[in-house]
Amino acid sequence: MCVLKNLQGLCGDFNGDASDDFRAPSGGMPLVLAKNFADSWRVHKFCPKAKQPDDACDKNPDRRNWARHKCGVLKTDLFKPCHYQVEVEDYYK
């Protein structure tokens, strides 16, 4: 079975278009906030709603430069073969 263009879920839909990966199971426009996207996939009402995560750099400003250095590897030649398929800036932020 080919899964290309036949998936839907929290990890996207594997159709080659990353811009529509945050679509709710009901369809429609992709959701902007990860919290809203996660909540749209809750199966039972008793499951707790997602919480908006704290910004790690605001919470630990002393770690901002460390994080930029460590995450900067995503922009290097090591990951260059992936750059045509995955937008680096989304993960770097």
Protein backbone atom coordinates (compact mmCIF):
# COMPACT_ATOMS: atom_id res chain seq x y z
CA MET A 1 0.00 0.00 0.00
CA CYS A 2 1.33 3.42 -0.91
CA VAL A 3 0.98 5.93 1.92
CA LEU A 4 1.91 8.96 -0.18
CA LYS A 5 -1.12 11.29 -0.16
CA ASN A 6 -3.09 8.72 1.89
CA LEU A 7 -2.22 9.81 5.42
CA GLN A 8 -3.67 12.28 7.86
CA GLY A 9 -2.64 12.91 11.44
CA LEU A 10 -0.46 14.68 13.96
CA CYS A 11 2.65 14.12 11.83
CA GLY A 12 1.17 15.65 8.69
CA ASP A 13 -0.28 14.04 5.61
CA PHE A 14 2.83 13.07 3.59
CA ASN A 15 1.66 14.76 0.41
CA GLY A 16 4.83 16.78 -0.19
CA ASP A 17 3.18 20.06 0.84
CA ALA A 18 4.30 21.03 4.36
CA SER A 19 2.02 24.08 4.34
CA ASP A 20 -1.06 21.90 4.98
CA ASP A 21 0.37 19.59 7.65
CA PHE A 22 -1.43 21.33 10.54
CA ARG A 23 -4.90 20.51 9.25
CA ALA A 24 -7.53 19.39 11.77
CA PRO A 25 -9.22 16.01 11.20
CA SER A 26 -12.35 17.91 10.17
CA GLY A 27 -10.40 19.51 7.30
CA GLY A 28 -10.45 23.18 6.45
CA MET A 29 -7.55 25.59 6.63
CA PRO A 30 -4.40 24.49 8.49
CA LEU A 31 -4.33 25.71 12.08
CA VAL A 32 -1.72 28.27 13.09
CA LEU A 33 -1.16 27.43 16.76
CA ALA A 34 0.25 24.02 17.67
CA LYS A 35 -2.00 24.03 20.77
CA ASN A 36 -5.15 24.35 18.65
CA PHE A 37 -3.89 21.70 16.25
CA ALA A 38 -3.22 19.25 19.08
CA ASP A 39 -6.63 19.92 20.63
CA SER A 40 -8.35 19.28 17.29
CA TRP A 41 -7.06 15.69 17.41
CA ARG A 42 -8.33 14.90 20.94
CA VAL A 43 -10.36 11.69 20.76
CA HIS A 44 -12.18 11.90 24.11
CA LYS A 45 -13.50 14.88 26.03
CA PHE A 46 -11.82 13.58 29.21
CA CYS A 47 -8.40 14.00 27.56
CA PRO A 48 -6.88 17.23 28.91
CA LYS A 49 -6.59 20.15 26.53
CA ALA A 50 -3.10 21.05 25.35
CA LYS A 51 -1.32 23.90 27.08
CA GLN A 52 0.53 26.61 25.21
CA PRO A 53 4.21 25.87 25.94
CA ASP A 54 6.36 28.54 27.52
CA ASP A 55 8.98 30.07 25.27
CA ALA A 56 12.15 28.28 26.36
CA CYS A 57 14.35 31.28 25.57
CA ASP A 58 12.15 33.63 27.61
CA LYS A 59 12.17 31.14 30.46
CA ASN A 60 15.96 30.60 30.30
CA PRO A 61 17.50 33.66 28.60
CA ASP A 62 20.99 32.52 29.55
CA ARG A 63 20.52 29.50 27.26
CA ARG A 64 19.52 31.49 24.14
CA ASN A 65 23.04 31.67 22.66
CA TRP A 66 23.69 28.02 23.50
CA ALA A 67 20.46 27.01 21.74
CA ARG A 68 21.27 29.11 18.66
CA HIS A 69 24.68 27.46 18.44
CA LYS A 70 23.35 23.91 18.86
CA CYS A 71 20.37 24.38 16.55
CA GLY A 72 22.54 26.18 14.01
CA VAL A 73 23.76 22.77 12.85
CA LEU A 74 20.43 22.46 11.01
CA LYS A 75 21.61 25.19 8.62
CA THR A 76 24.98 23.58 7.84
CA ASP A 77 26.11 21.39 4.96
CA LEU A 78 25.51 18.34 7.15
CA PHE A 79 21.75 18.81 6.68
CA LYS A 80 21.94 20.37 3.22
CA PRO A 81 20.53 17.24 1.51
CA CYS A 82 17.38 17.71 3.62
CA HIS A 83 16.90 21.42 2.89
CA TYR A 84 14.97 20.86 -0.33
CA GLN A 85 12.34 18.82 1.54
CA VAL A 86 12.21 20.45 4.97
CA GLU A 87 12.08 24.19 5.65
CA VAL A 88 14.93 24.72 8.13
CA GLU A 89 13.73 28.06 9.53
CA ASP A 90 10.57 26.50 10.98
CA TYR A 91 12.68 24.17 13.12
CA TYR A 92 15.45 26.65 13.86
CA LYS A 93 13.01 29.12 15.43
